[in-house]
Amino acid sequence: MDTQTRTEIEAAVLRRLLEHLDARKDVQNIDLMNLAGFCRNCLSKWYAAEAQARGEEIDYEAAREIIYGEPYAQWKAKYQTEASAEQLAAFERNRPAE
């Protein structure tokens, strides 16, 4: 597989992942963190970092808007729920040592 084709496939996979996450707004970021070790915010940070590594000026909030499909504050107000005690405990157990 050539590099261009690989890049196009990887880009399509990211778009598909974002579409899937958009369709599953019921899955909270803390659930993603507890199960997979990353969440929508992580994707936003990675997006911003990779853009900046390629000389593109994009900050974390702009990256969040790309990942969430709308400004984060709006998404949070509409879809984010309060984390349960069980979710928070799992998050603390799974948190990597700093």
PDB file of N, CA and C in Angstrom:
ATOM      1  N   MET A   1       0.855  -1.179   0.000  1.00  0.00           N
ATOM      2  CA  MET A   1       0.000   0.000   0.000  1.00  0.00           C
ATOM      3  C   MET A   1       0.896   1.236   0.000  1.00  0.00           C
ATOM      4  N   ASP A   2       0.584   2.183  -0.870  1.00  0.00           N
ATOM      5  CA  ASP A   2       1.392   3.399  -0.911  1.00  0.00           C
ATOM      6  C   ASP A   2       0.993   4.345   0.218  1.00  0.00           C
ATOM      7  N   THR A   3       1.861   5.305   0.494  1.00  0.00           N
ATOM      8  CA  THR A   3       1.671   6.227   1.615  1.00  0.00           C
ATOM      9  C   THR A   3       0.407   7.055   1.469  1.00  0.00           C
ATOM     10  N   GLN A   4       0.108   7.533   0.279  1.00  0.00           N
ATOM     11  CA  GLN A   4      -1.089   8.351   0.052  1.00  0.00           C
ATOM     12  C   GLN A   4      -2.361   7.557   0.352  1.00  0.00           C
ATOM     13  N   THR A   5      -2.417   6.334  -0.139  1.00  0.00           N
ATOM     14  CA  THR A   5      -3.596   5.493   0.108  1.00  0.00           C
ATOM     15  C   THR A   5      -3.746   5.217   1.591  1.00  0.00           C
ATOM     16  N   ARG A   6      -2.647   4.908   2.250  1.00  0.00           N
ATOM     17  CA  ARG A   6      -2.689   4.659   3.693  1.00  0.00           C
ATOM     18  C   ARG A   6      -3.206   5.887   4.446  1.00  0.00           C
ATOM     19  N   THR A   7      -2.711   7.069   4.082  1.00  0.00           N
ATOM     20  CA  THR A   7      -3.149   8.313   4.716  1.00  0.00           C
ATOM     21  C   THR A   7      -4.639   8.531   4.495  1.00  0.00           C
ATOM     22  N   GLU A   8      -5.117   8.286   3.280  1.00  0.00           N
ATOM     23  CA  GLU A   8      -6.539   8.452   2.974  1.00  0.00           C
ATOM     24  C   GLU A   8      -7.394   7.484   3.773  1.00  0.00           C
ATOM     25  N   ILE A   9      -6.945   6.253   3.926  1.00  0.00           N
ATOM     26  CA  ILE A   9      -7.683   5.261   4.710  1.00  0.00           C
ATOM     27  C   ILE A   9      -7.706   5.671   6.176  1.00  0.00           C
ATOM     28  N   GLU A  10      -6.561   6.094   6.708  1.00  0.00           N
ATOM     29  CA  GLU A  10      -6.506   6.520   8.103  1.00  0.00           C
ATOM     30  C   GLU A  10      -7.422   7.725   8.349  1.00  0.00           C
ATOM     31  N   ALA A  11      -7.445   8.661   7.412  1.00  0.00           N
ATOM     32  CA  ALA A  11      -8.335   9.819   7.543  1.00  0.00           C
ATOM     33  C   ALA A  11      -9.792   9.384   7.521  1.00  0.00           C
ATOM     34  N   ALA A  12     -10.126   8.448   6.653  1.00  0.00           N
ATOM     35  CA  ALA A  12     -11.500   7.946   6.577  1.00  0.00           C
ATOM     36  C   ALA A  12     -11.884   7.218   7.866  1.00  0.00           C
ATOM     37  N   VAL A  13     -10.948   6.487   8.432  1.00  0.00           N
ATOM     38  CA  VAL A  13     -11.217   5.789   9.692  1.00  0.00           C
ATOM     39  C   VAL A  13     -11.474   6.791  10.816  1.00  0.00           C
ATOM     40  N   LEU A  14     -10.693   7.874  10.872  1.00  0.00           N
ATOM     41  CA  LEU A  14     -10.930   8.900  11.890  1.00  0.00           C
ATOM     42  C   LEU A  14     -12.308   9.520  11.697  1.00  0.00           C
ATOM     43  N   ARG A  15     -12.663   9.848  10.467  1.00  0.00           N
ATOM     44  CA  ARG A  15     -13.989  10.410  10.217  1.00  0.00           C
ATOM     45  C   ARG A  15     -15.081   9.446  10.661  1.00  0.00           C
ATOM     46  N   ARG A  16     -14.886   8.172  10.391  1.00  0.00           N
ATOM     47  CA  ARG A  16     -15.872   7.167  10.790  1.00  0.00           C
ATOM     48  C   ARG A  16     -15.938   7.047  12.312  1.00  0.00           C
ATOM     49  N   LEU A  17     -14.804   7.100  12.993  1.00  0.00           N
ATOM     50  CA  LEU A  17     -14.788   7.072  14.457  1.00  0.00           C
ATOM     51  C   LEU A  17     -15.544   8.272  15.011  1.00  0.00           C
ATOM     52  N   LEU A  18     -15.299   9.458  14.463  1.00  0.00           N
ATOM     53  CA  LEU A  18     -15.991  10.659  14.933  1.00  0.00           C
ATOM     54  C   LEU A  18     -17.494  10.561  14.689  1.00  0.00           C
ATOM     55  N   GLU A  19     -17.892  10.016  13.548  1.00  0.00           N
ATOM     56  CA  GLU A  19     -19.319   9.812  13.272  1.00  0.00           C
ATOM     57  C   GLU A  19     -19.921   8.840  14.284  1.00  0.00           C
ATOM     58  N   HIS A  20     -19.189   7.784  14.596  1.00  0.00           N
ATOM     59  CA  HIS A  20     -19.665   6.801  15.561  1.00  0.00           C
ATOM     60  C   HIS A  20     -19.821   7.434  16.937  1.00  0.00           C
ATOM     61  N   LEU A  21     -18.819   8.183  17.378  1.00  0.00           N
ATOM     62  CA  LEU A  21     -18.904   8.855  18.676  1.00  0.00           C
ATOM     63  C   LEU A  21     -20.035   9.875  18.692  1.00  0.00           C
ATOM     64  N   ASP A  22     -20.253  10.547  17.568  1.00  0.00           N
ATOM     65  CA  ASP A  22     -21.344  11.513  17.495  1.00  0.00           C
ATOM     66  C   ASP A  22     -22.692  10.814  17.632  1.00  0.00           C
ATOM     67  N   ALA A  23     -22.802   9.633  17.069  1.00  0.00           N
ATOM     68  CA  ALA A  23     -24.048   8.875  17.167  1.00  0.00           C
ATOM     69  C   ALA A  23     -24.244   8.264  18.554  1.00  0.00           C
ATOM     70  N   ARG A  24     -23.157   8.175  19.325  1.00  0.00           N
ATOM     71  CA  ARG A  24     -23.216   7.568  20.660  1.00  0.00           C
ATOM     72  C   ARG A  24     -22.914   8.604  21.742  1.00  0.00           C
ATOM     73  N   LYS A  25     -23.670   9.677  21.711  1.00  0.00           N
ATOM     74  CA  LYS A  25     -23.482  10.720  22.722  1.00  0.00           C
ATOM     75  C   LYS A  25     -23.805  10.210  24.119  1.00  0.00           C
ATOM     76  N   ASP A  26     -24.545   9.092  24.192  1.00  0.00           N
ATOM     77  CA  ASP A  26     -24.841   8.491  25.488  1.00  0.00           C
ATOM     78  C   ASP A  26     -23.590   7.927  26.155  1.00  0.00           C
ATOM     79  N   VAL A  27     -22.566   7.645  25.377  1.00  0.00           N
ATOM     80  CA  VAL A  27     -21.313   7.151  25.940  1.00  0.00           C
ATOM     81  C   VAL A  27     -20.509   8.357  26.409  1.00  0.00           C
ATOM     82  N   GLN A  28     -20.363   8.456  27.700  1.00  0.00           N
ATOM     83  CA  GLN A  28     -19.681   9.593  28.308  1.00  0.00           C
ATOM     84  C   GLN A  28     -18.167   9.442  28.187  1.00  0.00           C
ATOM     85  N   ASN A  29     -17.470  10.566  28.239  1.00  0.00           N
ATOM     86  CA  ASN A  29     -16.010  10.531  28.172  1.00  0.00           C
ATOM     87  C   ASN A  29     -15.412   9.685  29.285  1.00  0.00           C
ATOM     88  N   ILE A  30     -15.981   9.745  30.470  1.00  0.00           N
ATOM     89  CA  ILE A  30     -15.436   8.959  31.573  1.00  0.00           C
ATOM     90  C   ILE A  30     -15.579   7.459  31.284  1.00  0.00           C
ATOM     91  N   ASP A  31     -16.648   7.075  30.599  1.00  0.00           N
ATOM     92  CA  ASP A  31     -16.810   5.675  30.194  1.00  0.00           C
ATOM     93  C   ASP A  31     -15.705   5.275  29.229  1.00  0.00           C
ATOM     94  N   LEU A  32     -15.446   6.146  28.255  1.00  0.00           N
ATOM     95  CA  LEU A  32     -14.369   5.874  27.300  1.00  0.00           C
ATOM     96  C   LEU A  32     -13.022   5.773  28.002  1.00  0.00           C
ATOM     97  N   MET A  33     -12.766   6.700  28.915  1.00  0.00           N
ATOM     98  CA  MET A  33     -11.496   6.679  29.656  1.00  0.00           C
ATOM     99  C   MET A  33     -11.363   5.395  30.465  1.00  0.00           C
ATOM    100  N   ASN A  34     -12.434   4.995  31.134  1.00  0.00           N
ATOM    101  CA  ASN A  34     -12.384   3.805  31.974  1.00  0.00           C
ATOM    102  C   ASN A  34     -12.200   2.525  31.166  1.00  0.00           C
ATOM    103  N   LEU A  35     -12.786   2.484  29.988  1.00  0.00           N
ATOM    104  CA  LEU A  35     -12.704   1.275  29.174  1.00  0.00           C
ATOM    105  C   LEU A  35     -11.528   1.250  28.206  1.00  0.00           C
ATOM    106  N   ALA A  36     -11.208   2.409  27.630  1.00  0.00           N
ATOM    107  CA  ALA A  36     -10.217   2.430  26.554  1.00  0.00           C
ATOM    108  C   ALA A  36      -8.978   3.263  26.856  1.00  0.00           C
ATOM    109  N   GLY A  37      -9.037   4.077  27.902  1.00  0.00           N
ATOM    110  CA  GLY A  37      -7.877   4.890  28.239  1.00  0.00           C
ATOM    111  C   GLY A  37      -7.742   6.157  27.410  1.00  0.00           C
ATOM    112  N   PHE A  38      -8.768   6.494  26.654  1.00  0.00           N
ATOM    113  CA  PHE A  38      -8.795   7.754  25.910  1.00  0.00           C
ATOM    114  C   PHE A  38     -10.242   8.183  25.758  1.00  0.00           C
ATOM    115  N   CYS A  39     -10.429   9.468  25.436  1.00  0.00           N
ATOM    116  CA  CYS A  39     -11.787   9.989  25.252  1.00  0.00           C
ATOM    117  C   CYS A  39     -11.785  11.036  24.147  1.00  0.00           C
ATOM    118  N   ARG A  40     -12.888  11.703  23.984  1.00  0.00           N
ATOM    119  CA  ARG A  40     -13.000  12.745  22.963  1.00  0.00           C
ATOM    120  C   ARG A  40     -12.003  13.877  23.215  1.00  0.00           C
ATOM    121  N   ASN A  41     -11.780  14.201  24.486  1.00  0.00           N
ATOM    122  CA  ASN A  41     -10.803  15.251  24.804  1.00  0.00           C
ATOM    123  C   ASN A  41      -9.394  14.825  24.414  1.00  0.00           C
ATOM    124  N   CYS A  42      -9.072  13.551  24.618  1.00  0.00           N
ATOM    125  CA  CYS A  42      -7.763  13.044  24.193  1.00  0.00           C
ATOM    126  C   CYS A  42      -7.609  13.185  22.678  1.00  0.00           C
ATOM    127  N   LEU A  43      -8.649  12.802  21.945  1.00  0.00           N
ATOM    128  CA  LEU A  43      -8.609  12.953  20.487  1.00  0.00           C
ATOM    129  C   LEU A  43      -8.383  14.407  20.103  1.00  0.00           C
ATOM    130  N   SER A  44      -9.011  15.321  20.834  1.00  0.00           N
ATOM    131  CA  SER A  44      -8.832  16.753  20.565  1.00  0.00           C
ATOM    132  C   SER A  44      -7.390  17.175  20.794  1.00  0.00           C
ATOM    133  N   LYS A  45      -6.801  16.712  21.881  1.00  0.00           N
ATOM    134  CA  LYS A  45      -5.394  17.037  22.181  1.00  0.00           C
ATOM    135  C   LYS A  45      -4.471  16.471  21.123  1.00  0.00           C
ATOM    136  N   TRP A  46      -4.715  15.232  20.712  1.00  0.00           N
ATOM    137  CA  TRP A  46      -3.891  14.609  19.683  1.00  0.00           C
ATOM    138  C   TRP A  46      -4.035  15.352  18.356  1.00  0.00           C
ATOM    139  N   TYR A  47      -5.251  15.754  18.029  1.00  0.00           N
ATOM    140  CA  TYR A  47      -5.508  16.497  16.793  1.00  0.00           C
ATOM    141  C   TYR A  47      -4.721  17.805  16.794  1.00  0.00           C
ATOM    142  N   ALA A  48      -4.832  18.552  17.870  1.00  0.00           N
ATOM    143  CA  ALA A  48      -4.121  19.832  17.973  1.00  0.00           C
ATOM    144  C   ALA A  48      -2.617  19.631  17.891  1.00  0.00           C
ATOM    145  N   ALA A  49      -2.108  18.633  18.582  1.00  0.00           N
ATOM    146  CA  ALA A  49      -0.659  18.373  18.589  1.00  0.00           C
ATOM    147  C   ALA A  49      -0.167  18.000  17.197  1.00  0.00           C
ATOM    148  N   GLU A  50      -0.895  17.146  16.501  1.00  0.00           N
ATOM    149  CA  GLU A  50      -0.470  16.732  15.157  1.00  0.00           C
ATOM    150  C   GLU A  50      -0.573  17.885  14.165  1.00  0.00           C
ATOM    151  N   ALA A  51      -1.602  18.709  14.298  1.00  0.00           N
ATOM    152  CA  ALA A  51      -1.718  19.882  13.426  1.00  0.00           C
ATOM    153  C   ALA A  51      -0.538  20.825  13.657  1.00  0.00           C
ATOM    154  N   GLN A  52      -0.248  21.105  14.922  1.00  0.00           N
ATOM    155  CA  GLN A  52       0.870  22.004  15.242  1.00  0.00           C
ATOM    156  C   GLN A  52       2.196  21.431  14.792  1.00  0.00           C
ATOM    157  N   ALA A  53       2.366  20.115  14.877  1.00  0.00           N
ATOM    158  CA  ALA A  53       3.602  19.470  14.413  1.00  0.00           C
ATOM    159  C   ALA A  53       3.803  19.657  12.913  1.00  0.00           C
ATOM    160  N   ARG A  54       2.702  19.928  12.217  1.00  0.00           N
ATOM    161  CA  ARG A  54       2.768  20.139  10.770  1.00  0.00           C
ATOM    162  C   ARG A  54       2.658  21.610  10.397  1.00  0.00           C
ATOM    163  N   GLY A  55       2.845  22.473  11.393  1.00  0.00           N
ATOM    164  CA  GLY A  55       2.866  23.904  11.143  1.00  0.00           C
ATOM    165  C   GLY A  55       1.506  24.564  11.035  1.00  0.00           C
ATOM    166  N   GLU A  56       0.452  23.866  11.420  1.00  0.00           N
ATOM    167  CA  GLU A  56      -0.893  24.434  11.377  1.00  0.00           C
ATOM    168  C   GLU A  56      -1.215  25.052  12.723  1.00  0.00           C
ATOM    169  N   GLU A  57      -1.778  26.241  12.711  1.00  0.00           N
ATOM    170  CA  GLU A  57      -2.154  26.933  13.946  1.00  0.00           C
ATOM    171  C   GLU A  57      -3.563  26.499  14.344  1.00  0.00           C
ATOM    172  N   ILE A  58      -3.646  25.632  15.314  1.00  0.00           N
ATOM    173  CA  ILE A  58      -4.944  25.211  15.838  1.00  0.00           C
ATOM    174  C   ILE A  58      -4.780  24.982  17.328  1.00  0.00           C
ATOM    175  N   ASP A  59      -5.648  25.589  18.085  1.00  0.00           N
ATOM    176  CA  ASP A  59      -5.552  25.409  19.531  1.00  0.00           C
ATOM    177  C   ASP A  59      -6.494  24.299  19.977  1.00  0.00           C
ATOM    178  N   TYR A  60      -6.397  23.958  21.248  1.00  0.00           N
ATOM    179  CA  TYR A  60      -7.159  22.862  21.827  1.00  0.00           C
ATOM    180  C   TYR A  60      -8.664  23.065  21.663  1.00  0.00           C
ATOM    181  N   GLU A  61      -9.154  24.268  21.911  1.00  0.00           N
ATOM    182  CA  GLU A  61     -10.598  24.519  21.789  1.00  0.00           C
ATOM    183  C   GLU A  61     -11.081  24.359  20.349  1.00  0.00           C
ATOM    184  N   ALA A  62     -10.282  24.810  19.394  1.00  0.00           N
ATOM    185  CA  ALA A  62     -10.659  24.631  17.985  1.00  0.00           C
ATOM    186  C   ALA A  62     -10.649  23.148  17.620  1.00  0.00           C
ATOM    187  N   ALA A  63      -9.680  22.418  18.129  1.00  0.00           N
ATOM    188  CA  ALA A  63      -9.624  20.974  17.888  1.00  0.00           C
ATOM    189  C   ALA A  63     -10.832  20.283  18.523  1.00  0.00           C
ATOM    190  N   ARG A  64     -11.200  20.716  19.720  1.00  0.00           N
ATOM    191  CA  ARG A  64     -12.383  20.150  20.371  1.00  0.00           C
ATOM    192  C   ARG A  64     -13.628  20.341  19.515  1.00  0.00           C
ATOM    193  N   GLU A  65     -13.767  21.508  18.918  1.00  0.00           N
ATOM    194  CA  GLU A  65     -14.933  21.767  18.072  1.00  0.00           C
ATOM    195  C   GLU A  65     -14.956  20.821  16.875  1.00  0.00           C
ATOM    196  N   ILE A  66     -13.798  20.510  16.342  1.00  0.00           N
ATOM    197  CA  ILE A  66     -13.714  19.557  15.228  1.00  0.00           C
ATOM    198  C   ILE A  66     -14.124  18.167  15.698  1.00  0.00           C
ATOM    199  N   ILE A  67     -13.613  17.744  16.840  1.00  0.00           N
ATOM    200  CA  ILE A  67     -13.885  16.401  17.351  1.00  0.00           C
ATOM    201  C   ILE A  67     -15.335  16.266  17.816  1.00  0.00           C
ATOM    202  N   TYR A  68     -15.835  17.256  18.534  1.00  0.00           N
ATOM    203  CA  TYR A  68     -17.191  17.191  19.075  1.00  0.00           C
ATOM    204  C   TYR A  68     -18.256  17.585  18.056  1.00  0.00           C
ATOM    205  N   GLY A  69     -17.872  18.271  16.985  1.00  0.00           N
ATOM    206  CA  GLY A  69     -18.834  18.700  15.975  1.00  0.00           C
ATOM    207  C   GLY A  69     -19.574  19.971  16.336  1.00  0.00           C
ATOM    208  N   GLU A  70     -19.191  20.591  17.440  1.00  0.00           N
ATOM    209  CA  GLU A  70     -19.767  21.852  17.903  1.00  0.00           C
ATOM    210  C   GLU A  70     -18.879  22.337  19.047  1.00  0.00           C
ATOM    211  N   PRO A  71     -19.027  23.591  19.444  1.00  0.00           N
ATOM    212  CA  PRO A  71     -18.220  24.056  20.578  1.00  0.00           C
ATOM    213  C   PRO A  71     -18.419  23.150  21.791  1.00  0.00           C
ATOM    214  N   TYR A  72     -17.330  22.853  22.471  1.00  0.00           N
ATOM    215  CA  TYR A  72     -17.370  21.919  23.594  1.00  0.00           C
ATOM    216  C   TYR A  72     -18.382  22.333  24.652  1.00  0.00           C
ATOM    217  N   ALA A  73     -18.445  23.602  24.987  1.00  0.00           N
ATOM    218  CA  ALA A  73     -19.379  24.056  26.023  1.00  0.00           C
ATOM    219  C   ALA A  73     -20.823  23.702  25.654  1.00  0.00           C
ATOM    220  N   GLN A  74     -21.161  23.839  24.388  1.00  0.00           N
ATOM    221  CA  GLN A  74     -22.515  23.486  23.934  1.00  0.00           C
ATOM    222  C   GLN A  74     -22.746  21.985  24.041  1.00  0.00           C
ATOM    223  N   TRP A  75     -21.762  21.200  23.576  1.00  0.00           N
ATOM    224  CA  TRP A  75     -21.882  19.747  23.647  1.00  0.00           C
ATOM    225  C   TRP A  75     -22.036  19.308  25.089  1.00  0.00           C
ATOM    226  N   LYS A  76     -21.200  19.846  25.963  1.00  0.00           N
ATOM    227  CA  LYS A  76     -21.223  19.476  27.377  1.00  0.00           C
ATOM    228  C   LYS A  76     -22.580  19.792  28.005  1.00  0.00           C
ATOM    229  N   ALA A  77     -23.117  20.959  27.719  1.00  0.00           N
ATOM    230  CA  ALA A  77     -24.408  21.359  28.291  1.00  0.00           C
ATOM    231  C   ALA A  77     -25.535  20.440  27.815  1.00  0.00           C
ATOM    232  N   LYS A  78     -25.448  19.964  26.576  1.00  0.00           N
ATOM    233  CA  LYS A  78     -26.511  19.137  26.020  1.00  0.00           C
ATOM    234  C   LYS A  78     -26.395  17.657  26.382  1.00  0.00           C
ATOM    235  N   TYR A  79     -25.160  17.145  26.476  1.00  0.00           N
ATOM    236  CA  TYR A  79     -24.994  15.698  26.528  1.00  0.00           C
ATOM    237  C   TYR A  79     -24.244  15.144  27.737  1.00  0.00           C
ATOM    238  N   GLN A  80     -23.425  15.934  28.375  1.00  0.00           N
ATOM    239  CA  GLN A  80     -22.619  15.379  29.462  1.00  0.00           C
ATOM    240  C   GLN A  80     -23.454  15.236  30.727  1.00  0.00           C
ATOM    241  N   THR A  81     -23.343  14.096  31.347  1.00  0.00           N
ATOM    242  CA  THR A  81     -24.044  13.844  32.601  1.00  0.00           C
ATOM    243  C   THR A  81     -23.038  13.836  33.745  1.00  0.00           C
ATOM    244  N   GLU A  82     -23.539  13.930  34.943  1.00  0.00           N
ATOM    245  CA  GLU A  82     -22.688  13.883  36.127  1.00  0.00           C
ATOM    246  C   GLU A  82     -22.127  12.471  36.272  1.00  0.00           C
ATOM    247  N   ALA A  83     -20.831  12.377  36.520  1.00  0.00           N
ATOM    248  CA  ALA A  83     -20.203  11.067  36.708  1.00  0.00           C
ATOM    249  C   ALA A  83     -20.674  10.455  38.021  1.00  0.00           C
ATOM    250  N   SER A  84     -20.930   9.165  37.978  1.00  0.00           N
ATOM    251  CA  SER A  84     -21.351   8.457  39.191  1.00  0.00           C
ATOM    252  C   SER A  84     -20.134   8.182  40.076  1.00  0.00           C
ATOM    253  N   ALA A  85     -20.408   7.837  41.313  1.00  0.00           N
ATOM    254  CA  ALA A  85     -19.325   7.473  42.235  1.00  0.00           C
ATOM    255  C   ALA A  85     -18.543   6.277  41.691  1.00  0.00           C
ATOM    256  N   GLU A  86     -19.240   5.329  41.089  1.00  0.00           N
ATOM    257  CA  GLU A  86     -18.577   4.147  40.518  1.00  0.00           C
ATOM    258  C   GLU A  86     -17.670   4.532  39.345  1.00  0.00           C
ATOM    259  N   GLN A  87     -18.141   5.421  38.488  1.00  0.00           N
ATOM    260  CA  GLN A  87     -17.329   5.873  37.359  1.00  0.00           C
ATOM    261  C   GLN A  87     -16.078   6.590  37.849  1.00  0.00           C
ATOM    262  N   LEU A  88     -16.238   7.466  38.821  1.00  0.00           N
ATOM    263  CA  LEU A  88     -15.102   8.215  39.358  1.00  0.00           C
ATOM    264  C   LEU A  88     -14.104   7.282  40.036  1.00  0.00           C
ATOM    265  N   ALA A  89     -14.596   6.293  40.763  1.00  0.00           N
ATOM    266  CA  ALA A  89     -13.701   5.330  41.422  1.00  0.00           C
ATOM    267  C   ALA A  89     -12.925   4.524  40.385  1.00  0.00           C
ATOM    268  N   ALA A  90     -13.600   4.098  39.327  1.00  0.00           N
ATOM    269  CA  ALA A  90     -12.923   3.360  38.259  1.00  0.00           C
ATOM    270  C   ALA A  90     -11.882   4.234  37.581  1.00  0.00           C
ATOM    271  N   PHE A  91     -12.214   5.499  37.377  1.00  0.00           N
ATOM    272  CA  PHE A  91     -11.269   6.432  36.764  1.00  0.00           C
ATOM    273  C   PHE A  91     -10.011   6.551  37.624  1.00  0.00           C
ATOM    274  N   GLU A  92     -10.180   6.677  38.915  1.00  0.00           N
ATOM    275  CA  GLU A  92      -9.028   6.786  39.821  1.00  0.00           C
ATOM    276  C   GLU A  92      -8.202   5.512  39.827  1.00  0.00           C
ATOM    277  N   ARG A  93      -8.855   4.349  39.787  1.00  0.00           N
ATOM    278  CA  ARG A  93      -8.127   3.065  39.752  1.00  0.00           C
ATOM    279  C   ARG A  93      -7.327   2.913  38.467  1.00  0.00           C
ATOM    280  N   ASN A  94      -7.898   3.379  37.363  1.00  0.00           N
ATOM    281  CA  ASN A  94      -7.276   3.193  36.044  1.00  0.00           C
ATOM    282  C   ASN A  94      -6.288   4.276  35.666  1.00  0.00           C
ATOM    283  N   ARG A  95      -6.257   5.347  36.451  1.00  0.00           N
ATOM    284  CA  ARG A  95      -5.384   6.477  36.130  1.00  0.00           C
ATOM    285  C   ARG A  95      -3.923   6.026  36.195  1.00  0.00           C
ATOM    286  N   PRO A  96      -3.152   6.330  35.150  1.00  0.00           N
ATOM    287  CA  PRO A  96      -1.728   5.962  35.185  1.00  0.00           C
ATOM    288  C   PRO A  96      -0.979   6.746  36.252  1.00  0.00           C
ATOM    289  N   ALA A  97       0.012   6.107  36.820  1.00  0.00           N
ATOM    290  CA  ALA A  97       0.842   6.789  37.829  1.00  0.00           C
ATOM    291  C   ALA A  97       1.593   7.935  37.159  1.00  0.00           C
ATOM    292  N   GLU A  98       1.636   9.053  37.840  1.00  0.00           N
ATOM    293  CA  GLU A  98       2.310  10.229  37.254  1.00  0.00           C
ATOM    294  C   GLU A  98       3.710  10.364  37.785  1.00  0.00           C
TER     295      GLU A  98
END
